[in-house]
């Protein structure tokens, strides 16, 4: 009997501890949910404040001028070339707005928090009175290594109101294609063409010289020895010899010897 009472007490104690643990878990979950809700409320409040201010007091417009795109066309930016856009800003409120910075960056398309290439941040510090407009220009050059791949383009305009509250207007936050520029004739291609033309000229000259040497050998080898002897003659005519350096008495003596014929010499000997 006592053993049954002991088992009953132990079972009640275990059940009470299980209930306490379950309540603790529920309490912690409720606290986590409350904290998340509070965080969402805060972020929603901030976003609503910025959104209301942008819709009521500020109006922005983005226009690409180089290259030019249609309104709903996909944006393709040339790698290694200058890209330009204009930002229109209108103060529709009753107080001054101060433009602070304008920046742009390329980001990883799967995670826009990962920066790939940061462009220059332009410091503005330009006050826009109520009912006034301002136009801002910005230019950037995507790197050549990014050609042929999509990236996220983020363009932000930071400004503040008369109370000093800072806000950021996301002018563009979408994926763009970085394309490779196909030129008709660049420097490398021109150099290759010139090199190929020079190689062809050298081959033609070498082939001509080879054929000329082979043909000359064949023509010279087919002639008889007598013909080659007749062809390979030196200067036979005395007119081709420069006789200015020879003394005149020697020349006169040689001319006299040539004037006498061999028959005259034989006649003199017989007499």
Foldseek 3Di string as FASTA:
>chain_A
DVVVVVVVVVVVVVVVVVVVVVVVVVVVVVVVVVVVVVVVVVVVVVVVVQVVCCVQFKDKAKAWVVPHDDDPDAAEAEAQDKTKMKMKMAGQDQFKKFWAKKWKFWAAQVDRVHTDGTDDIDGGRHIAHHGGMDMDMDMDHHHPVQAPDKTWMWIWIWMATPVRDIDIDTNGTHIHHHHYDDDPDDPVNVVVVVVVVVVVVVVVVVVVVVVVVVVVVVVVVPDDPVVVVVVPDDDPDPVVDDCPVPDPVVVVVVVVVVVDDVVVVVVVVVD
